[in-house]
């Protein structure tokens, strides 16, 4: 019944994302997914909530909505801002994760996938350097979904930095993302990936 009266029910359900009872919050989120795009505008307000749990739940919902219907400009900009600047690492991680499906659907709808990911890609590239490895890991996974090869140099840089820091979790995430974005499975070090990328660039220039 709530889905039939989306203009009235969606804002109320979004507000209930902030309740302490996680089961109630999940039920509200599931209903909002069924409502679809009409849940987008009130969700932007929830992304600015004072409570970090509410912001994180709103980011999670945004990712689910985006996977089905894409994200409008306001929702996309809010997710990008949270991924880069939220004070809570769980919110940054969830926002970075949501940008993957949202960006893939939006860019695919415009015919830009793998060619011009613009702010989606550059935001996620910046997230690769986040102080929390979970944020960097989620951002790397989202770059795979967006699939823009121009992310390769930043992924190589992030892989190099992770190796230098001895951060094995980041190393695995960046290596997996490089394989996912490029489809190449041979390179296994920053130098090898740089050589591979240079070869790809040279082949592209030769074809022009």
N, C-alpha and C. Protein backbone atom coordinates (compact mmCIF):
# COMPACT_ATOMS: atom_id res chain seq x y z
N UNK A 1 0.81 -1.20 0.00
CA UNK A 1 0.00 0.00 0.00
C UNK A 1 0.86 1.27 0.00
N UNK A 2 1.96 1.23 0.74
CA UNK A 2 2.83 2.40 0.82
C UNK A 2 3.40 2.79 -0.53
N UNK A 3 3.64 1.78 -1.37
CA UNK A 3 4.20 2.08 -2.69
C UNK A 3 3.18 2.79 -3.59
N UNK A 4 1.91 2.61 -3.31
CA UNK A 4 0.88 3.25 -4.13
C UNK A 4 0.76 4.74 -3.84
N UNK A 5 1.22 5.14 -2.67
CA UNK A 5 1.11 6.54 -2.27
C UNK A 5 2.50 7.12 -2.04
N UNK A 6 3.37 6.88 -3.01
CA UNK A 6 4.78 7.25 -2.88
C UNK A 6 5.02 8.72 -2.54
N UNK A 7 4.32 9.68 -3.16
CA UNK A 7 4.59 11.08 -2.83
C UNK A 7 4.41 11.40 -1.35
N UNK A 8 3.51 10.67 -0.70
CA UNK A 8 3.27 10.90 0.72
C UNK A 8 4.14 10.00 1.59
N UNK A 9 4.26 8.74 1.20
CA UNK A 9 4.95 7.76 2.04
C UNK A 9 6.47 7.84 1.96
N UNK A 10 7.01 8.20 0.80
CA UNK A 10 8.47 8.19 0.64
C UNK A 10 9.18 9.10 1.65
N UNK A 11 8.76 10.37 1.82
CA UNK A 11 9.45 11.22 2.80
C UNK A 11 9.41 10.66 4.23
N UNK A 12 8.27 10.05 4.59
CA UNK A 12 8.14 9.48 5.93
C UNK A 12 9.07 8.28 6.09
N UNK A 13 9.10 7.42 5.09
CA UNK A 13 9.96 6.24 5.14
C UNK A 13 11.44 6.62 5.19
N UNK A 14 11.80 7.65 4.45
CA UNK A 14 13.20 8.12 4.47
C UNK A 14 13.55 8.63 5.86
N UNK A 15 12.65 9.35 6.49
CA UNK A 15 12.89 9.86 7.84
C UNK A 15 13.09 8.71 8.84
N UNK A 16 12.38 7.61 8.61
CA UNK A 16 12.47 6.46 9.51
C UNK A 16 13.78 5.68 9.34
N UNK A 17 14.59 6.03 8.34
CA UNK A 17 15.90 5.39 8.21
C UNK A 17 16.77 5.66 9.43
N UNK A 18 16.44 6.73 10.16
CA UNK A 18 17.25 7.12 11.31
C UNK A 18 16.83 6.50 12.62
N UNK A 19 15.83 5.62 12.63
CA UNK A 19 15.39 5.03 13.90
C UNK A 19 16.45 4.07 14.43
N UNK A 20 16.43 3.86 15.74
CA UNK A 20 17.42 2.99 16.37
C UNK A 20 17.23 1.53 16.01
N UNK A 21 15.99 1.13 15.78
CA UNK A 21 15.68 -0.26 15.45
C UNK A 21 16.13 -0.55 14.02
N UNK A 22 17.18 -1.34 13.86
CA UNK A 22 17.73 -1.61 12.54
C UNK A 22 16.78 -2.40 11.66
N UNK A 23 15.91 -3.21 12.27
CA UNK A 23 14.96 -4.01 11.49
C UNK A 23 13.93 -3.09 10.84
N UNK A 24 13.43 -2.13 11.63
CA UNK A 24 12.47 -1.17 11.09
C UNK A 24 13.11 -0.36 9.96
N UNK A 25 14.35 0.07 10.21
CA UNK A 25 15.06 0.85 9.19
C UNK A 25 15.24 0.05 7.91
N UNK A 26 15.53 -1.25 8.04
CA UNK A 26 15.71 -2.10 6.86
C UNK A 26 14.40 -2.29 6.11
N UNK A 27 13.32 -2.45 6.83
CA UNK A 27 12.01 -2.59 6.19
C UNK A 27 11.65 -1.32 5.42
N UNK A 28 11.97 -0.18 6.00
CA UNK A 28 11.72 1.10 5.31
C UNK A 28 12.56 1.19 4.05
N UNK A 29 13.81 0.79 4.16
CA UNK A 29 14.71 0.83 3.01
C UNK A 29 14.21 -0.08 1.89
N UNK A 30 13.77 -1.29 2.26
CA UNK A 30 13.27 -2.24 1.26
C UNK A 30 12.03 -1.68 0.54
N UNK A 31 11.18 -1.01 1.31
CA UNK A 31 9.97 -0.42 0.71
C UNK A 31 10.34 0.72 -0.23
N UNK A 32 11.32 1.51 0.15
CA UNK A 32 11.76 2.63 -0.68
C UNK A 32 12.37 2.13 -1.99
N UNK A 33 13.04 0.99 -1.95
CA UNK A 33 13.57 0.40 -3.19
C UNK A 33 12.42 0.05 -4.12
N UNK A 34 11.33 -0.47 -3.56
CA UNK A 34 10.15 -0.80 -4.37
C UNK A 34 9.50 0.46 -4.93
N UNK A 35 9.53 1.54 -4.17
CA UNK A 35 8.96 2.81 -4.64
C UNK A 35 9.75 3.33 -5.82
N UNK A 36 11.08 3.20 -5.76
CA UNK A 36 11.92 3.58 -6.90
C UNK A 36 12.29 5.04 -6.94
N UNK A 37 12.34 5.64 -8.13
CA UNK A 37 12.85 7.00 -8.32
C UNK A 37 12.18 8.07 -7.44
N UNK A 38 10.93 7.86 -7.07
CA UNK A 38 10.24 8.84 -6.24
C UNK A 38 10.89 8.99 -4.87
N UNK A 39 11.69 8.00 -4.48
CA UNK A 39 12.37 8.07 -3.18
C UNK A 39 13.63 8.93 -3.24
N UNK A 40 14.07 9.26 -4.45
CA UNK A 40 15.32 10.00 -4.61
C UNK A 40 15.36 11.37 -3.96
N UNK A 41 14.39 12.25 -4.27
CA UNK A 41 14.44 13.61 -3.71
C UNK A 41 14.47 13.66 -2.18
N UNK A 42 13.59 12.94 -1.45
CA UNK A 42 13.69 12.99 0.01
C UNK A 42 14.96 12.34 0.54
N UNK A 43 15.53 11.42 -0.23
CA UNK A 43 16.74 10.74 0.22
C UNK A 43 17.92 11.71 0.29
N UNK A 44 17.94 12.71 -0.58
CA UNK A 44 19.03 13.70 -0.55
C UNK A 44 19.09 14.37 0.81
N UNK A 45 17.93 14.64 1.41
CA UNK A 45 17.89 15.26 2.73
C UNK A 45 18.50 14.34 3.78
N UNK A 46 18.22 13.05 3.70
CA UNK A 46 18.75 12.08 4.66
C UNK A 46 20.27 11.97 4.58
N UNK A 47 20.82 12.23 3.40
CA UNK A 47 22.28 12.17 3.25
C UNK A 47 22.97 13.30 4.01
N UNK A 48 22.21 14.31 4.42
CA UNK A 48 22.74 15.42 5.20
C UNK A 48 22.38 15.32 6.68
N UNK A 49 21.87 14.18 7.11
CA UNK A 49 21.44 14.02 8.50
C UNK A 49 22.63 14.18 9.46
N UNK A 50 22.35 14.62 10.66
CA UNK A 50 23.41 14.78 11.66
C UNK A 50 23.99 13.45 12.10
N UNK A 51 23.14 12.44 12.16
CA UNK A 51 23.54 11.13 12.65
C UNK A 51 24.25 10.33 11.56
N UNK A 52 25.43 9.82 11.87
CA UNK A 52 26.22 9.07 10.89
C UNK A 52 25.51 7.79 10.45
N UNK A 53 24.80 7.14 11.35
CA UNK A 53 24.10 5.91 10.99
C UNK A 53 23.03 6.18 9.94
N UNK A 54 22.34 7.30 10.09
CA UNK A 54 21.32 7.67 9.10
C UNK A 54 21.96 7.95 7.75
N UNK A 55 23.07 8.66 7.76
CA UNK A 55 23.76 8.97 6.49
C UNK A 55 24.25 7.68 5.83
N UNK A 56 24.78 6.77 6.63
CA UNK A 56 25.27 5.51 6.06
C UNK A 56 24.12 4.70 5.46
N UNK A 57 23.01 4.62 6.17
CA UNK A 57 21.85 3.89 5.65
C UNK A 57 21.31 4.55 4.39
N UNK A 58 21.35 5.87 4.37
CA UNK A 58 20.88 6.59 3.18
C UNK A 58 21.79 6.31 1.99
N UNK A 59 23.09 6.24 2.23
CA UNK A 59 24.04 5.91 1.15
C UNK A 59 23.79 4.50 0.62
N UNK A 60 23.54 3.58 1.54
CA UNK A 60 23.26 2.21 1.13
C UNK A 60 22.01 2.15 0.25
N UNK A 61 20.98 2.87 0.67
CA UNK A 61 19.74 2.91 -0.10
C UNK A 61 19.97 3.57 -1.46
N UNK A 62 20.76 4.63 -1.47
CA UNK A 62 21.06 5.32 -2.74
C UNK A 62 21.71 4.37 -3.73
N UNK A 63 22.60 3.52 -3.24
CA UNK A 63 23.23 2.54 -4.13
C UNK A 63 22.23 1.57 -4.71
N UNK A 64 21.28 1.12 -3.89
CA UNK A 64 20.27 0.18 -4.38
C UNK A 64 19.35 0.85 -5.39
N UNK A 65 18.94 2.09 -5.10
CA UNK A 65 18.10 2.81 -6.04
C UNK A 65 18.84 3.07 -7.34
N UNK A 66 20.11 3.46 -7.21
CA UNK A 66 20.91 3.76 -8.40
C UNK A 66 21.13 2.55 -9.27
N UNK A 67 21.27 1.38 -8.65
CA UNK A 67 21.48 0.15 -9.41
C UNK A 67 20.28 -0.16 -10.31
N UNK A 68 19.10 0.23 -9.84
CA UNK A 68 17.89 -0.04 -10.61
C UNK A 68 17.52 1.11 -11.55
N UNK A 69 17.68 2.33 -11.07
CA UNK A 69 17.13 3.47 -11.80
C UNK A 69 18.13 4.60 -12.06
N UNK A 70 19.39 4.45 -11.64
CA UNK A 70 20.34 5.54 -11.78
C UNK A 70 20.15 6.57 -10.68
N UNK A 71 21.00 7.58 -10.67
CA UNK A 71 20.93 8.63 -9.65
C UNK A 71 20.82 9.98 -10.34
N UNK A 72 19.91 10.78 -9.85
CA UNK A 72 19.79 12.13 -10.39
C UNK A 72 20.97 12.98 -9.98
N UNK A 73 21.12 14.17 -10.55
CA UNK A 73 22.26 15.04 -10.26
C UNK A 73 22.44 15.37 -8.78
N UNK A 74 21.34 15.68 -8.09
CA UNK A 74 21.45 16.04 -6.67
C UNK A 74 21.93 14.88 -5.83
N UNK A 75 21.38 13.70 -6.09
CA UNK A 75 21.77 12.52 -5.33
C UNK A 75 23.23 12.16 -5.62
N UNK A 76 23.62 12.24 -6.88
CA UNK A 76 25.00 11.93 -7.25
C UNK A 76 25.98 12.89 -6.59
N UNK A 77 25.69 14.16 -6.61
CA UNK A 77 26.58 15.15 -6.01
C UNK A 77 26.69 14.96 -4.50
N UNK A 78 25.57 14.61 -3.86
CA UNK A 78 25.60 14.37 -2.42
C UNK A 78 26.48 13.16 -2.08
N UNK A 79 26.37 12.09 -2.87
CA UNK A 79 27.19 10.90 -2.65
C UNK A 79 28.67 11.21 -2.84
N UNK A 80 28.98 11.98 -3.87
CA UNK A 80 30.38 12.34 -4.11
C UNK A 80 30.95 13.15 -2.95
N UNK A 81 30.15 14.08 -2.45
CA UNK A 81 30.60 14.91 -1.33
C UNK A 81 30.86 14.07 -0.09
N UNK A 82 29.94 13.14 0.21
CA UNK A 82 30.11 12.30 1.38
C UNK A 82 31.30 11.36 1.23
N UNK A 83 31.50 10.82 0.04
CA UNK A 83 32.61 9.90 -0.18
C UNK A 83 33.96 10.57 0.08
N UNK A 84 34.02 11.86 -0.19
CA UNK A 84 35.28 12.59 -0.04
C UNK A 84 35.44 13.26 1.32
N UNK A 85 34.33 13.72 1.91
CA UNK A 85 34.47 14.64 3.03
C UNK A 85 33.77 14.25 4.33
N UNK A 86 32.96 13.20 4.32
CA UNK A 86 32.26 12.88 5.56
C UNK A 86 33.27 12.52 6.65
N UNK A 87 32.97 12.92 7.88
CA UNK A 87 33.89 12.68 8.99
C UNK A 87 33.91 11.23 9.45
N UNK A 88 32.87 10.48 9.09
CA UNK A 88 32.75 9.09 9.52
C UNK A 88 33.18 8.15 8.38
N UNK A 89 34.12 7.25 8.68
CA UNK A 89 34.66 6.40 7.61
C UNK A 89 33.62 5.43 7.05
N UNK A 90 32.67 5.01 7.90
CA UNK A 90 31.65 4.08 7.39
C UNK A 90 30.76 4.76 6.36
N UNK A 91 30.51 6.05 6.55
CA UNK A 91 29.70 6.80 5.59
C UNK A 91 30.49 6.98 4.30
N UNK A 92 31.76 7.35 4.42
CA UNK A 92 32.60 7.52 3.21
C UNK A 92 32.67 6.22 2.42
N UNK A 93 32.84 5.12 3.14
CA UNK A 93 32.93 3.82 2.46
C UNK A 93 31.63 3.46 1.76
N UNK A 94 30.51 3.68 2.43
CA UNK A 94 29.22 3.33 1.82
C UNK A 94 28.90 4.24 0.64
N UNK A 95 29.29 5.51 0.75
CA UNK A 95 29.07 6.44 -0.37
C UNK A 95 29.92 6.04 -1.57
N UNK A 96 31.18 5.68 -1.32
CA UNK A 96 32.05 5.24 -2.41
C UNK A 96 31.50 3.98 -3.07
N UNK A 97 30.96 3.09 -2.25
CA UNK A 97 30.37 1.86 -2.77
C UNK A 97 29.14 2.16 -3.63
N UNK A 98 28.31 3.11 -3.17
CA UNK A 98 27.09 3.46 -3.90
C UNK A 98 27.38 4.13 -5.24
N UNK A 99 28.50 4.83 -5.33
CA UNK A 99 28.83 5.53 -6.57
C UNK A 99 29.07 4.57 -7.73
N UNK A 100 29.45 3.34 -7.42
CA UNK A 100 29.69 2.36 -8.48
C UNK A 100 28.44 2.03 -9.28
N UNK A 101 27.42 1.43 -8.64
CA UNK A 101 26.20 1.10 -9.39
C UNK A 101 25.47 2.33 -9.92
N UNK A 102 25.45 3.41 -9.12
CA UNK A 102 24.78 4.63 -9.58
C UNK A 102 25.47 5.17 -10.84
N UNK A 103 26.80 5.23 -10.80
CA UNK A 103 27.54 5.75 -11.94
C UNK A 103 27.43 4.86 -13.16
N UNK A 104 27.50 3.56 -12.94
CA UNK A 104 27.43 2.63 -14.08
C UNK A 104 26.11 2.76 -14.82
N UNK A 105 25.00 2.88 -14.06
CA UNK A 105 23.69 3.00 -14.69
C UNK A 105 23.54 4.35 -15.38
N UNK A 106 23.93 5.43 -14.69
CA UNK A 106 23.79 6.77 -15.27
C UNK A 106 24.63 6.90 -16.54
N UNK A 107 25.88 6.47 -16.48
CA UNK A 107 26.76 6.61 -17.64
C UNK A 107 26.34 5.68 -18.77
N UNK A 108 25.89 4.48 -18.42
CA UNK A 108 25.40 3.56 -19.44
C UNK A 108 24.16 4.09 -20.13
N UNK A 109 23.31 4.75 -19.37
CA UNK A 109 22.09 5.32 -19.94
C UNK A 109 22.42 6.42 -20.95
N UNK A 110 23.49 7.18 -20.68
CA UNK A 110 23.89 8.26 -21.59
C UNK A 110 24.83 7.78 -22.69
N UNK A 111 25.19 6.50 -22.64
CA UNK A 111 26.12 5.98 -23.64
C UNK A 111 27.55 6.37 -23.38
N UNK A 112 27.88 6.79 -22.13
CA UNK A 112 29.22 7.26 -21.82
C UNK A 112 30.08 6.24 -21.12
N UNK A 113 29.52 5.08 -20.77
CA UNK A 113 30.26 4.09 -20.01
C UNK A 113 31.56 3.73 -20.71
N UNK A 114 32.64 3.71 -19.95
CA UNK A 114 33.99 3.41 -20.43
C UNK A 114 34.56 4.48 -21.35
N UNK A 115 33.92 5.64 -21.43
CA UNK A 115 34.48 6.66 -22.30
C UNK A 115 34.59 8.02 -21.62
N UNK A 116 33.59 8.41 -20.84
CA UNK A 116 33.63 9.73 -20.23
C UNK A 116 32.90 9.70 -18.90
N UNK A 117 33.57 9.16 -17.89
CA UNK A 117 32.94 9.01 -16.58
C UNK A 117 33.08 10.25 -15.72
N UNK A 118 33.86 11.22 -16.16
CA UNK A 118 33.93 12.53 -15.53
C UNK A 118 34.07 12.52 -14.04
N UNK A 119 33.15 13.22 -13.36
CA UNK A 119 33.23 13.41 -11.92
C UNK A 119 33.11 12.09 -11.16
N UNK A 120 32.40 11.12 -11.71
CA UNK A 120 32.29 9.82 -11.04
C UNK A 120 33.69 9.23 -10.85
N UNK A 121 34.44 9.19 -11.94
CA UNK A 121 35.77 8.58 -11.88
C UNK A 121 36.72 9.38 -11.00
N UNK A 122 36.77 10.70 -11.19
CA UNK A 122 37.73 11.51 -10.44
C UNK A 122 37.44 11.49 -8.94
N UNK A 123 36.18 11.44 -8.56
CA UNK A 123 35.84 11.34 -7.13
C UNK A 123 36.37 10.04 -6.55
N UNK A 124 36.12 8.95 -7.25
CA UNK A 124 36.56 7.64 -6.76
C UNK A 124 38.08 7.52 -6.76
N UNK A 125 38.73 8.14 -7.72
CA UNK A 125 40.20 8.15 -7.74
C UNK A 125 40.75 8.83 -6.48
N UNK A 126 40.13 9.93 -6.07
CA UNK A 126 40.57 10.61 -4.85
C UNK A 126 40.34 9.74 -3.62
N UNK A 127 39.27 8.96 -3.63
CA UNK A 127 38.96 8.08 -2.51
C UNK A 127 39.99 6.96 -2.35
N UNK A 128 40.73 6.66 -3.39
CA UNK A 128 41.75 5.61 -3.30
C UNK A 128 42.82 5.94 -2.26
N UNK A 129 42.98 7.23 -1.97
CA UNK A 129 43.99 7.67 -1.01
C UNK A 129 43.41 7.90 0.39
N UNK A 130 42.17 7.50 0.61
CA UNK A 130 41.55 7.71 1.92
C UNK A 130 42.37 7.02 3.01
N UNK A 131 42.37 7.62 4.21
CA UNK A 131 43.15 7.07 5.32
C UNK A 131 42.62 5.71 5.76
N UNK A 132 41.34 5.45 5.49
CA UNK A 132 40.76 4.16 5.87
C UNK A 132 40.78 3.20 4.69
N UNK A 133 41.33 2.01 4.87
CA UNK A 133 41.42 1.07 3.75
C UNK A 133 40.07 0.60 3.22
N UNK A 134 39.04 0.62 4.06
CA UNK A 134 37.72 0.20 3.60
C UNK A 134 37.19 1.15 2.54
N UNK A 135 37.44 2.44 2.72
CA UNK A 135 36.99 3.43 1.75
C UNK A 135 37.71 3.22 0.43
N UNK A 136 39.03 3.05 0.50
CA UNK A 136 39.82 2.83 -0.71
C UNK A 136 39.39 1.56 -1.43
N UNK A 137 39.11 0.52 -0.65
CA UNK A 137 38.68 -0.76 -1.23
C UNK A 137 37.35 -0.62 -1.96
N UNK A 138 36.40 0.08 -1.33
CA UNK A 138 35.10 0.27 -1.95
C UNK A 138 35.21 1.15 -3.20
N UNK A 139 36.06 2.16 -3.14
CA UNK A 139 36.25 3.04 -4.30
C UNK A 139 36.85 2.27 -5.47
N UNK A 140 37.81 1.40 -5.18
CA UNK A 140 38.42 0.60 -6.24
C UNK A 140 37.39 -0.30 -6.90
N UNK A 141 36.52 -0.91 -6.09
CA UNK A 141 35.48 -1.76 -6.65
C UNK A 141 34.50 -0.98 -7.51
N UNK A 142 34.19 0.24 -7.10
CA UNK A 142 33.27 1.07 -7.88
C UNK A 142 33.89 1.50 -9.20
N UNK A 143 35.20 1.71 -9.20
CA UNK A 143 35.88 2.04 -10.47
C UNK A 143 35.78 0.89 -11.45
N UNK A 144 35.77 -0.33 -10.94
CA UNK A 144 35.59 -1.49 -11.83
C UNK A 144 34.20 -1.45 -12.47
N UNK A 145 33.18 -1.12 -11.68
CA UNK A 145 31.82 -1.06 -12.22
C UNK A 145 31.70 0.03 -13.28
N UNK A 146 32.33 1.18 -13.05
CA UNK A 146 32.26 2.27 -14.02
C UNK A 146 33.09 1.93 -15.26
N UNK A 147 34.23 1.30 -15.06
CA UNK A 147 34.97 0.72 -16.18
C UNK A 147 35.73 1.67 -17.07
N UNK A 148 36.03 2.87 -16.61
CA UNK A 148 36.77 3.83 -17.44
C UNK A 148 38.27 3.54 -17.32
N UNK A 149 38.89 3.20 -18.45
CA UNK A 149 40.31 2.85 -18.46
C UNK A 149 41.21 3.99 -18.01
N UNK A 150 40.70 5.20 -18.05
CA UNK A 150 41.53 6.33 -17.63
C UNK A 150 41.80 6.33 -16.14
N UNK A 151 41.16 5.42 -15.40
CA UNK A 151 41.45 5.27 -13.98
C UNK A 151 42.72 4.47 -13.73
N UNK A 152 43.26 3.83 -14.77
CA UNK A 152 44.41 2.94 -14.59
C UNK A 152 45.61 3.64 -13.96
N UNK A 153 46.04 4.82 -14.41
CA UNK A 153 47.21 5.44 -13.79
C UNK A 153 47.04 5.69 -12.29
N UNK A 154 45.87 6.13 -11.86
CA UNK A 154 45.64 6.37 -10.44
C UNK A 154 45.61 5.07 -9.65
N UNK A 155 45.08 4.02 -10.26
CA UNK A 155 45.08 2.71 -9.61
C UNK A 155 46.51 2.19 -9.46
N UNK A 156 47.33 2.42 -10.47
CA UNK A 156 48.74 2.01 -10.38
C UNK A 156 49.44 2.78 -9.27
N UNK A 157 49.19 4.08 -9.19
CA UNK A 157 49.79 4.89 -8.12
C UNK A 157 49.35 4.38 -6.74
N UNK A 158 48.07 4.04 -6.63
CA UNK A 158 47.55 3.55 -5.35
C UNK A 158 48.15 2.20 -5.00
N UNK A 159 48.36 1.35 -5.99
CA UNK A 159 49.01 0.06 -5.78
C UNK A 159 50.44 0.25 -5.31
N UNK A 160 51.14 1.18 -5.93
CA UNK A 160 52.52 1.47 -5.55
C UNK A 160 52.60 1.96 -4.10
N UNK A 161 51.69 2.89 -3.75
CA UNK A 161 51.68 3.44 -2.39
C UNK A 161 51.35 2.36 -1.36
N UNK A 162 50.43 1.46 -1.71
CA UNK A 162 50.04 0.39 -0.79
C UNK A 162 51.20 -0.58 -0.55
N UNK A 163 51.94 -0.89 -1.61
CA UNK A 163 53.10 -1.77 -1.47
C UNK A 163 54.17 -1.12 -0.60
N UNK A 164 54.39 0.15 -0.82
CA UNK A 164 55.40 0.87 -0.04
C UNK A 164 55.02 0.92 1.44
N UNK A 165 53.72 1.03 1.72
CA UNK A 165 53.25 1.09 3.10
C UNK A 165 53.08 -0.30 3.72
N UNK A 166 53.19 -1.34 2.91
CA UNK A 166 52.98 -2.69 3.41
C UNK A 166 51.53 -3.00 3.73
N UNK A 167 50.63 -2.30 3.07
CA UNK A 167 49.19 -2.47 3.31
C UNK A 167 48.65 -3.52 2.35
N UNK A 168 48.66 -4.78 2.79
CA UNK A 168 48.30 -5.88 1.91
C UNK A 168 46.83 -5.83 1.48
N UNK A 169 45.98 -5.31 2.35
CA UNK A 169 44.56 -5.20 1.99
C UNK A 169 44.38 -4.26 0.81
N UNK A 170 45.05 -3.12 0.85
CA UNK A 170 44.97 -2.18 -0.27
C UNK A 170 45.64 -2.76 -1.52
N UNK A 171 46.72 -3.48 -1.33
CA UNK A 171 47.41 -4.09 -2.47
C UNK A 171 46.46 -5.01 -3.22
N UNK A 172 45.77 -5.87 -2.48
CA UNK A 172 44.83 -6.80 -3.13
C UNK A 172 43.70 -6.04 -3.83
N UNK A 173 43.19 -5.00 -3.16
CA UNK A 173 42.08 -4.24 -3.74
C UNK A 173 42.49 -3.55 -5.03
N UNK A 174 43.68 -2.95 -5.05
CA UNK A 174 44.13 -2.23 -6.25
C UNK A 174 44.47 -3.19 -7.38
N UNK A 175 45.10 -4.30 -7.02
CA UNK A 175 45.43 -5.29 -8.05
C UNK A 175 44.15 -5.86 -8.67
N UNK A 176 43.18 -6.19 -7.82
CA UNK A 176 41.91 -6.72 -8.33
C UNK A 176 41.20 -5.68 -9.20
N UNK A 177 41.26 -4.41 -8.79
CA UNK A 177 40.60 -3.36 -9.57
C UNK A 177 41.28 -3.17 -10.92
N UNK A 178 42.59 -3.23 -10.95
CA UNK A 178 43.30 -3.10 -12.22
C UNK A 178 42.92 -4.23 -13.18
N UNK A 179 42.83 -5.43 -12.65
CA UNK A 179 42.41 -6.56 -13.49
C UNK A 179 40.97 -6.37 -13.95
N UNK A 180 40.12 -5.90 -13.03
CA UNK A 180 38.72 -5.71 -13.37
C UNK A 180 38.48 -4.63 -14.41
N UNK A 181 39.23 -3.53 -14.32
CA UNK A 181 39.06 -2.43 -15.25
C UNK A 181 39.64 -2.76 -16.62
N UNK A 182 40.79 -3.41 -16.63
CA UNK A 182 41.51 -3.62 -17.89
C UNK A 182 41.25 -4.98 -18.54
N UNK A 183 40.94 -5.99 -17.74
CA UNK A 183 40.82 -7.34 -18.28
C UNK A 183 42.16 -8.03 -18.45
N UNK A 184 43.26 -7.34 -18.10
CA UNK A 184 44.61 -7.91 -18.23
C UNK A 184 44.96 -8.67 -16.96
N UNK A 185 45.58 -9.82 -17.10
CA UNK A 185 45.93 -10.63 -15.94
C UNK A 185 47.43 -10.88 -15.80
N UNK A 186 48.22 -10.37 -16.71
CA UNK A 186 49.65 -10.61 -16.65
C UNK A 186 50.40 -9.77 -15.64
N UNK A 187 50.21 -8.44 -15.62
CA UNK A 187 50.99 -7.58 -14.72
C UNK A 187 50.72 -7.89 -13.25
N UNK A 188 51.79 -7.85 -12.43
CA UNK A 188 51.62 -8.13 -11.01
C UNK A 188 52.40 -7.17 -10.12
N UNK A 189 52.84 -6.05 -10.69
CA UNK A 189 53.56 -5.04 -9.91
C UNK A 189 53.29 -3.68 -10.54
N UNK A 190 53.52 -2.60 -9.79
CA UNK A 190 53.33 -1.27 -10.37
C UNK A 190 54.14 -1.05 -11.64
N UNK A 191 55.39 -1.50 -11.66
CA UNK A 191 56.23 -1.34 -12.84
C UNK A 191 55.65 -2.11 -14.03
N UNK A 192 55.21 -3.35 -13.77
CA UNK A 192 54.64 -4.16 -14.85
C UNK A 192 53.35 -3.52 -15.38
N UNK A 193 52.53 -3.00 -14.46
CA UNK A 193 51.30 -2.34 -14.90
C UNK A 193 51.60 -1.07 -15.68
N UNK A 194 52.61 -0.32 -15.26
CA UNK A 194 53.00 0.90 -15.98
C UNK A 194 53.48 0.57 -17.38
N UNK A 195 54.26 -0.49 -17.49
CA UNK A 195 54.74 -0.91 -18.81
C UNK A 195 53.57 -1.35 -19.69
N UNK A 196 52.64 -2.08 -19.10
CA UNK A 196 51.47 -2.53 -19.85
C UNK A 196 50.66 -1.32 -20.33
N UNK A 197 50.45 -0.36 -19.44
CA UNK A 197 49.67 0.83 -19.79
C UNK A 197 50.35 1.64 -20.88
N UNK A 198 51.67 1.76 -20.80
CA UNK A 198 52.41 2.48 -21.84
C UNK A 198 52.24 1.79 -23.19
N UNK A 199 52.23 0.46 -23.15
CA UNK A 199 52.02 -0.29 -24.39
C UNK A 199 50.64 -0.06 -24.97
N UNK A 200 49.65 0.00 -24.10
CA UNK A 200 48.29 0.27 -24.57
C UNK A 200 48.17 1.66 -25.18
N UNK A 201 48.82 2.62 -24.54
CA UNK A 201 48.80 3.99 -25.06
C UNK A 201 49.48 4.08 -26.41
N UNK A 202 50.58 3.35 -26.56
CA UNK A 202 51.32 3.37 -27.83
C UNK A 202 50.49 2.73 -28.94
N UNK A 203 49.79 1.62 -28.61
CA UNK A 203 48.95 0.97 -29.60
C UNK A 203 47.80 1.89 -30.03
N UNK A 204 47.24 2.60 -29.06
CA UNK A 204 46.15 3.52 -29.37
C UNK A 204 46.60 4.65 -30.26
N UNK A 205 47.81 5.17 -29.99
CA UNK A 205 48.34 6.25 -30.82
C UNK A 205 48.64 5.77 -32.23
N UNK A 206 49.12 4.49 -32.34
CA UNK A 206 49.44 3.97 -33.66
C UNK A 206 48.21 3.76 -34.53
N UNK A 207 47.08 3.49 -33.86
CA UNK A 207 45.84 3.26 -34.62
C UNK A 207 45.20 4.56 -35.12
N UNK A 208 45.59 5.68 -34.52
CA UNK A 208 44.99 6.96 -34.90
C UNK A 208 45.58 7.50 -36.20
